[in-house]
């Protein structure tokens, strides 16, 4: 593991170098300053040249990943703002927050045909429909949509959000007119039913307030209604609004409940941990994740891996390693407040706990 080879200071500098590389284009001066400070901190290290090489690798890798993300988004712009036909697979029909919200469909495009050319590609788009539209399509259904116009939004902040979500373009249609090429297989249909189960399991069994809390905390789905508005005001009054957002705390509570449940079963501790990790993977895949939840899930997986391999693990090392993995996969997370607050708050908590234990 990375944390087993390098010290806490080394991991901090690696994360700083990766962040400096990601920030090179929007904040060049700040990026250069962060890289210079990182190299100065290491000047007394015995393996200075080796560590400098690693730092520079992370720096240039951050630059590369940032440009790769933007290159994907701004590619094939000649196909935008034109009347075209697309062949796509329905990946997801995103739930509406209330009855007046637009319907949003996530489509995976395999080909785009304009009047002049036909382009085979692999791009994701958001298709928005009026809230009153009736949908008969299902996830993983392959369709052809004619006379659609794909666009990039004018708002820079919305563009940054789409880059983060790996969405290439958006489209707005008054109605969905399509031709089905192939329907989802029986296995895909069963997977879809399983993914929708957490959203429907309490629909009629409990009160509206309990159902709203369940969807918000356990499933990560936000709801707009009169009940949720009153509930949010009450949580804001007591200063506990953060409990409504699914975070690492809810994952830890779930792990604690599963551990307590499995303590009554005569299994070895290793098998119990493997089963818990498997259940967490299922839970992660069938609910709506947030960056705080991804952070907690990644930290637990790293902790589980270290424990199974009998490697020493420190919470701060695991946090920094998780940050490296998340930023390497998608560097645009860095520019959003949820990522910044989640990691900074967790880092401060871990630092305070370690300082308290030493004293």
Protein backbone atom coordinates (compact mmCIF):
# COMPACT_ATOMS: atom_id res chain seq x y z
CA UNK A 1 0.00 0.00 0.00
CA UNK A 2 1.09 3.62 -0.63
CA UNK A 3 0.69 4.52 3.02
CA UNK A 4 2.97 1.62 4.02
CA UNK A 5 5.87 2.91 1.87
CA UNK A 6 5.63 6.68 2.41
CA UNK A 7 5.23 8.81 5.52
CA UNK A 8 2.37 11.18 6.27
CA UNK A 9 4.42 14.15 5.06
CA UNK A 10 5.20 12.39 1.78
CA UNK A 11 1.53 11.60 1.17
CA UNK A 12 0.54 15.20 1.92
CA UNK A 13 3.09 16.45 -0.62
CA UNK A 14 1.91 13.92 -3.25
CA UNK A 15 -1.67 15.12 -2.88
CA UNK A 16 -0.49 18.73 -3.00
CA UNK A 17 1.51 18.03 -6.19
CA UNK A 18 -1.49 16.35 -7.86
CA UNK A 19 -3.73 19.28 -6.85
CA UNK A 20 -1.13 21.74 -8.16
CA UNK A 21 -1.13 19.93 -11.51
CA UNK A 22 -4.93 19.95 -11.71
CA UNK A 23 -4.95 23.70 -10.89
CA UNK A 24 -2.24 24.54 -13.44
CA UNK A 25 -4.59 26.00 -16.08
CA UNK A 26 -7.15 27.90 -13.98
CA UNK A 27 -4.71 28.97 -11.22
CA UNK A 28 -1.20 28.92 -12.70
CA UNK A 29 0.52 31.12 -10.10
CA UNK A 30 -0.99 29.24 -7.16
CA UNK A 31 -0.04 25.96 -8.80
CA UNK A 32 3.60 26.98 -9.24
CA UNK A 33 3.76 28.20 -5.65
CA UNK A 34 2.36 24.91 -4.30
CA UNK A 35 4.86 22.88 -6.36
CA UNK A 36 7.76 25.05 -5.21
CA UNK A 37 6.76 24.73 -1.55
CA UNK A 38 6.45 20.95 -1.93
CA UNK A 39 9.97 20.68 -3.36
CA UNK A 40 11.41 22.96 -0.66
CA UNK A 41 9.92 20.81 2.09
CA UNK A 42 11.76 17.78 0.70
CA UNK A 43 15.19 19.40 0.26
CA UNK A 44 16.64 17.79 3.42
CA UNK A 45 15.34 14.29 2.67
CA UNK A 46 17.92 11.57 2.01
CA UNK A 47 16.09 10.30 -1.09
CA UNK A 48 15.49 13.82 -2.41
CA UNK A 49 15.90 12.98 -6.11
CA UNK A 50 13.58 9.95 -5.90
CA UNK A 51 10.89 11.92 -4.05
CA UNK A 52 11.22 14.86 -6.45
CA UNK A 53 10.69 12.51 -9.37
CA UNK A 54 7.50 11.17 -7.78
CA UNK A 55 6.27 14.70 -6.99
CA UNK A 56 6.88 15.85 -10.57
CA UNK A 57 5.13 12.71 -11.89
CA UNK A 58 2.05 13.49 -9.81
CA UNK A 59 2.20 17.14 -10.92
CA UNK A 60 2.31 16.35 -14.64
CA UNK A 61 -0.22 13.56 -14.19
CA UNK A 62 -2.63 16.08 -12.64
CA UNK A 63 -2.18 18.38 -15.66
CA UNK A 64 -2.74 15.47 -18.05
CA UNK A 65 -5.89 14.19 -16.35
CA UNK A 66 -7.37 17.71 -16.20
CA UNK A 67 -6.86 18.21 -19.94
CA UNK A 68 -8.13 14.72 -20.73
CA UNK A 69 -11.42 15.47 -19.00
CA UNK A 70 -11.84 18.76 -20.84
CA UNK A 71 -10.77 17.23 -24.15
CA UNK A 72 -13.56 14.65 -23.94
CA UNK A 73 -16.14 17.35 -23.24
CA UNK A 74 -15.03 19.75 -26.00
CA UNK A 75 -14.48 17.07 -28.64
CA UNK A 76 -16.74 16.73 -31.71
CA UNK A 77 -18.21 20.20 -31.26
CA UNK A 78 -18.96 20.23 -35.00
CA UNK A 79 -21.86 17.85 -34.23
CA UNK A 80 -23.50 20.28 -31.81
CA UNK A 81 -26.31 22.73 -32.57
CA UNK A 82 -27.37 20.67 -35.59
CA UNK A 83 -30.48 18.67 -36.33
CA UNK A 84 -29.35 15.05 -36.09
CA UNK A 85 -30.40 11.47 -35.43
CA UNK A 86 -28.79 9.54 -32.60
CA UNK A 87 -28.55 5.87 -31.70
CA UNK A 88 -28.34 5.51 -27.95
CA UNK A 89 -28.88 3.21 -25.00
CA UNK A 90 -31.00 4.38 -22.08
CA UNK A 91 -28.71 4.20 -19.06
CA UNK A 92 -30.92 5.77 -16.43
CA UNK A 93 -34.16 7.70 -15.99
CA UNK A 94 -33.29 10.10 -13.20
CA UNK A 95 -36.03 10.59 -10.60
CA UNK A 96 -37.83 13.91 -10.50
CA UNK A 97 -37.64 15.95 -7.32
CA UNK A 98 -41.32 16.87 -7.58
CA UNK A 99 -44.23 16.75 -10.04
CA UNK A 100 -43.17 20.01 -11.73
CA UNK A 101 -39.54 19.05 -12.43
CA UNK A 102 -38.33 18.17 -15.89
CA UNK A 103 -37.73 14.50 -16.63
CA UNK A 104 -34.04 13.80 -17.16
CA UNK A 105 -32.85 10.76 -19.11
CA UNK A 106 -29.21 9.67 -19.22
CA UNK A 107 -28.36 8.32 -22.68
CA UNK A 108 -25.20 6.59 -23.90
CA UNK A 109 -24.78 7.53 -27.56
CA UNK A 110 -23.19 5.04 -29.95
CA UNK A 111 -23.62 7.03 -33.19
CA UNK A 112 -24.66 10.51 -34.34
CA UNK A 113 -25.95 11.07 -37.86
CA UNK A 114 -26.21 14.57 -39.30
CA UNK A 115 -27.06 15.73 -42.81
CA UNK A 116 -23.39 15.66 -43.79
CA UNK A 117 -21.81 12.82 -41.83
CA UNK A 118 -22.23 9.92 -39.42
CA UNK A 119 -20.01 9.68 -36.37
CA UNK A 120 -19.57 6.55 -34.23
CA UNK A 121 -18.81 7.55 -30.67
CA UNK A 122 -19.23 6.69 -27.02
CA UNK A 123 -20.66 9.73 -25.27
CA UNK A 124 -23.19 10.39 -22.52
CA UNK A 125 -25.87 13.08 -22.72
CA UNK A 126 -28.76 14.39 -20.65
CA UNK A 127 -32.13 14.50 -22.44
CA UNK A 128 -34.72 16.71 -20.74
CA UNK A 129 -38.46 16.29 -21.27
CA UNK A 130 -41.47 18.21 -19.85
CA UNK A 131 -42.71 16.94 -16.50
CA UNK A 132 -46.05 15.82 -17.98
CA UNK A 133 -44.42 13.45 -20.50
CA UNK A 134 -45.40 9.78 -20.39
CA UNK A 135 -42.44 7.43 -20.73
CA UNK A 136 -42.55 3.84 -21.91
CA UNK A 137 -38.83 3.30 -22.28
CA UNK A 138 -36.78 1.25 -19.83
CA UNK A 139 -33.13 1.32 -18.77
CA UNK A 140 -30.75 -0.51 -21.18
CA UNK A 141 -33.24 -0.18 -24.04
CA UNK A 142 -31.50 0.76 -27.31
CA UNK A 143 -33.35 3.39 -29.32
CA UNK A 144 -33.04 5.80 -32.26
CA UNK A 145 -34.12 9.40 -31.67
CA UNK A 146 -34.65 11.59 -34.73
CA UNK A 147 -34.53 15.36 -35.11
CA UNK A 148 -32.69 16.12 -31.89
CA UNK A 149 -30.35 19.06 -31.27
CA UNK A 150 -27.41 18.53 -28.93
CA UNK A 151 -25.92 21.57 -27.20
CA UNK A 152 -23.37 22.75 -24.68
CA UNK A 153 -24.91 25.01 -22.01
CA UNK A 154 -23.78 28.65 -21.96
CA UNK A 155 -23.19 28.72 -18.21
CA UNK A 156 -19.55 27.99 -17.34
CA UNK A 157 -20.47 26.58 -13.94
CA UNK A 158 -22.95 24.17 -15.52
CA UNK A 159 -20.30 23.14 -18.04
CA UNK A 160 -17.93 22.35 -15.17
CA UNK A 161 -20.67 20.25 -13.56
CA UNK A 162 -21.20 18.30 -16.80
CA UNK A 163 -17.45 17.71 -17.16
CA UNK A 164 -17.39 16.36 -13.63
CA UNK A 165 -20.34 14.06 -14.40
CA UNK A 166 -18.73 12.93 -17.71
CA UNK A 167 -21.69 14.30 -19.70
CA UNK A 168 -20.85 15.50 -23.20
CA UNK A 169 -23.97 17.49 -24.10
CA UNK A 170 -27.61 18.19 -23.24
CA UNK A 171 -30.81 18.21 -25.28
CA UNK A 172 -34.34 19.48 -24.64
CA UNK A 173 -37.31 17.88 -26.39
CA UNK A 174 -41.00 18.69 -26.13
CA UNK A 175 -41.81 15.02 -26.62
CA UNK A 176 -39.84 11.82 -27.02
CA UNK A 177 -40.22 10.29 -30.47
CA UNK A 178 -38.09 7.19 -30.86
CA UNK A 179 -37.72 3.81 -32.55
CA UNK A 180 -36.71 0.78 -30.50
CA UNK A 181 -33.77 -1.24 -31.79
CA UNK A 182 -33.50 -3.72 -28.94
CA UNK A 183 -35.14 -4.20 -25.57
CA UNK A 184 -33.28 -4.89 -22.31
CA UNK A 185 -32.55 -8.52 -21.55
CA UNK A 186 -34.34 -10.34 -18.75
CA UNK A 187 -31.21 -10.12 -16.57
CA UNK A 188 -31.01 -6.36 -17.11
CA UNK A 189 -34.68 -6.01 -16.19
CA UNK A 190 -34.12 -7.90 -12.95
CA UNK A 191 -31.11 -5.70 -12.13
CA UNK A 192 -33.23 -2.60 -12.76
CA UNK A 193 -35.96 -3.90 -10.45
CA UNK A 194 -33.32 -4.55 -7.78
CA UNK A 195 -31.94 -1.02 -8.16
CA UNK A 196 -35.42 0.51 -7.87
CA UNK A 197 -36.34 -1.60 -4.84
CA UNK A 198 -34.85 0.76 -2.19
CA UNK A 199 -36.87 3.65 -3.65
CA UNK A 200 -40.17 1.75 -3.60
CA UNK A 201 -39.84 -0.42 -0.51
CA UNK A 202 -41.34 2.17 1.87
CA UNK A 203 -43.61 3.96 -0.59
CA UNK A 204 -46.85 2.75 0.98
CA UNK A 205 -45.70 1.02 4.16
CA UNK A 206 -44.80 4.12 6.20
CA UNK A 207 -45.81 7.75 6.60
CA UNK A 208 -44.75 10.45 4.14
CA UNK A 209 -42.25 11.93 6.62
CA UNK A 210 -40.61 8.56 7.29
CA UNK A 211 -40.56 7.80 3.57
CA UNK A 212 -38.87 11.16 2.84
CA UNK A 213 -36.23 10.61 5.55
CA UNK A 214 -35.58 7.10 4.25
CA UNK A 215 -35.07 8.30 0.65
CA UNK A 216 -32.85 11.20 1.71
CA UNK A 217 -30.63 9.44 4.26
CA UNK A 218 -30.56 5.82 3.13
CA UNK A 219 -30.97 6.17 -0.67
CA UNK A 220 -29.41 9.58 -1.25
CA UNK A 221 -32.45 10.84 -3.20
CA UNK A 222 -33.58 14.44 -2.68
CA UNK A 223 -37.29 15.21 -2.62
CA UNK A 224 -39.14 18.51 -3.02
CA UNK A 225 -42.47 18.67 -1.23
CA UNK A 226 -44.28 20.54 1.53
CA UNK A 227 -43.23 17.86 4.02
CA UNK A 228 -39.54 18.11 3.12
CA UNK A 229 -39.63 21.92 3.30
CA UNK A 230 -40.98 21.82 6.87
CA UNK A 231 -38.50 19.10 7.81
CA UNK A 232 -35.53 21.07 6.45
CA UNK A 233 -36.58 24.17 8.38
CA UNK A 234 -36.79 22.13 11.57
CA UNK A 235 -33.35 20.58 10.97
CA UNK A 236 -31.92 24.03 10.20
CA UNK A 237 -33.39 25.39 13.43
CA UNK A 238 -31.54 22.75 15.47
CA UNK A 239 -28.38 23.05 13.35
CA UNK A 240 -28.39 19.43 12.16
CA UNK A 241 -29.16 19.88 8.44
CA UNK A 242 -26.07 17.85 7.53
CA UNK A 243 -27.80 14.73 8.85
CA UNK A 244 -30.26 14.88 5.94
CA UNK A 245 -27.47 14.44 3.39
CA UNK A 246 -26.13 10.92 3.03
CA UNK A 247 -22.55 11.04 4.22
CA UNK A 248 -19.81 8.88 5.67
CA UNK A 249 -21.58 8.85 9.03
CA UNK A 250 -24.51 6.91 7.57
CA UNK A 251 -22.14 4.36 6.03
CA UNK A 252 -20.37 3.87 9.37
CA UNK A 253 -23.73 3.40 11.09
CA UNK A 254 -24.68 0.81 8.47
CA UNK A 255 -21.37 -1.02 8.93
CA UNK A 256 -21.88 -0.97 12.70
CA UNK A 257 -25.38 -2.43 12.38
CA UNK A 258 -24.16 -5.15 9.99
CA UNK A 259 -21.26 -5.99 12.31
CA UNK A 260 -23.66 -6.26 15.25
CA UNK A 261 -25.99 -8.47 13.21
CA UNK A 262 -23.21 -10.81 12.07
CA UNK A 263 -21.79 -11.08 15.60
CA UNK A 264 -24.64 -13.49 16.32
CA UNK A 265 -23.67 -15.77 13.40
CA UNK A 266 -20.96 -18.44 13.95
CA UNK A 267 -18.64 -17.34 11.12
CA UNK A 268 -14.99 -16.40 11.14
CA UNK A 269 -14.28 -12.66 11.39
CA UNK A 270 -12.68 -12.66 7.92
CA UNK A 271 -15.75 -14.19 6.26
CA UNK A 272 -18.00 -11.71 8.04
CA UNK A 273 -15.92 -8.80 6.77
CA UNK A 274 -15.99 -10.14 3.20
CA UNK A 275 -19.78 -10.53 3.35
CA UNK A 276 -20.16 -7.00 4.73
CA UNK A 277 -17.98 -5.57 1.95
CA UNK A 278 -20.06 -7.45 -0.64
CA UNK A 279 -23.29 -6.06 0.83
CA UNK A 280 -21.81 -2.55 0.81
CA UNK A 281 -20.94 -2.93 -2.88
CA UNK A 282 -24.57 -3.85 -3.62
CA UNK A 283 -25.81 -0.94 -1.50
CA UNK A 284 -23.42 1.45 -3.28
CA UNK A 285 -24.54 0.32 -6.74
CA UNK A 286 -28.32 0.57 -6.19
CA UNK A 287 -28.47 3.97 -4.46
CA UNK A 288 -27.48 7.53 -5.36
CA UNK A 289 -23.97 8.28 -4.17
CA UNK A 290 -22.39 11.53 -3.03
CA UNK A 291 -18.73 12.47 -2.79
CA UNK A 292 -18.82 12.14 1.02
CA UNK A 293 -20.28 8.65 0.68
CA UNK A 294 -17.67 7.72 -1.95
CA UNK A 295 -14.92 8.98 0.37
CA UNK A 296 -16.17 6.91 3.29
CA UNK A 297 -16.68 3.86 1.08
CA UNK A 298 -13.16 4.17 -0.37
CA UNK A 299 -11.63 4.61 3.08
CA UNK A 300 -13.38 1.52 4.38
CA UNK A 301 -12.21 -0.54 1.38
CA UNK A 302 -8.61 0.57 1.95
CA UNK A 303 -8.90 -0.21 5.66
CA UNK A 304 -10.36 -3.63 4.85
CA UNK A 305 -7.56 -4.33 2.34
CA UNK A 306 -4.83 -3.34 4.81
CA UNK A 307 -6.40 -5.50 7.49
CA UNK A 308 -6.67 -8.54 5.21
CA UNK A 309 -3.05 -8.13 4.06
CA UNK A 310 -1.82 -7.50 7.64
CA UNK A 311 -0.46 -4.08 6.67
CA UNK A 312 -0.20 -1.17 9.12
CA UNK A 313 -2.77 1.52 8.42
CA UNK A 314 -3.25 5.01 9.75
CA UNK A 315 -6.53 6.91 9.26
CA UNK A 316 -4.80 9.99 7.79
CA UNK A 317 -2.84 7.78 5.36
CA UNK A 318 -6.05 6.11 4.25
CA UNK A 319 -7.76 9.50 3.79
CA UNK A 320 -4.92 10.90 1.68
CA UNK A 321 -4.69 7.74 -0.42
CA UNK A 322 -8.46 7.91 -1.02
CA UNK A 323 -8.12 11.54 -2.10
CA UNK A 324 -5.38 10.54 -4.57
CA UNK A 325 -7.54 7.81 -6.12
CA UNK A 326 -10.63 10.05 -6.43
CA UNK A 327 -8.70 12.93 -8.01
CA UNK A 328 -6.89 10.60 -10.39
CA UNK A 329 -10.19 9.12 -11.56
CA UNK A 330 -11.90 12.52 -11.92
CA UNK A 331 -9.80 15.65 -11.23
CA UNK A 332 -12.79 18.00 -11.59
CA UNK A 333 -14.05 16.92 -8.17
CA UNK A 334 -11.43 19.28 -6.76
CA UNK A 335 -13.32 22.41 -7.82
CA UNK A 336 -16.59 21.52 -6.06
CA UNK A 337 -17.47 22.45 -2.51
CA UNK A 338 -18.72 19.00 -1.45
CA UNK A 339 -15.30 17.44 -2.16
CA UNK A 340 -13.42 20.25 -0.41
CA UNK A 341 -15.59 20.28 2.71
CA UNK A 342 -15.76 16.49 3.00
CA UNK A 343 -12.01 15.92 2.88
CA UNK A 344 -10.96 18.99 4.86
CA UNK A 345 -13.48 18.29 7.64
CA UNK A 346 -12.46 14.63 7.84
CA UNK A 347 -8.77 15.58 7.85
CA UNK A 348 -9.28 18.01 10.72
CA UNK A 349 -11.21 15.40 12.71
CA UNK A 350 -8.51 12.77 12.18
CA UNK A 351 -5.74 15.25 13.03
CA UNK A 352 -7.53 16.32 16.22
CA UNK A 353 -8.06 12.67 17.26
CA UNK A 354 -4.41 11.75 16.63
CA UNK A 355 -3.19 14.82 18.53
CA UNK A 356 -5.46 14.01 21.46
CA UNK A 357 -4.21 10.42 21.62
CA UNK A 358 -0.55 11.52 21.61
CA UNK A 359 -1.13 13.98 24.42
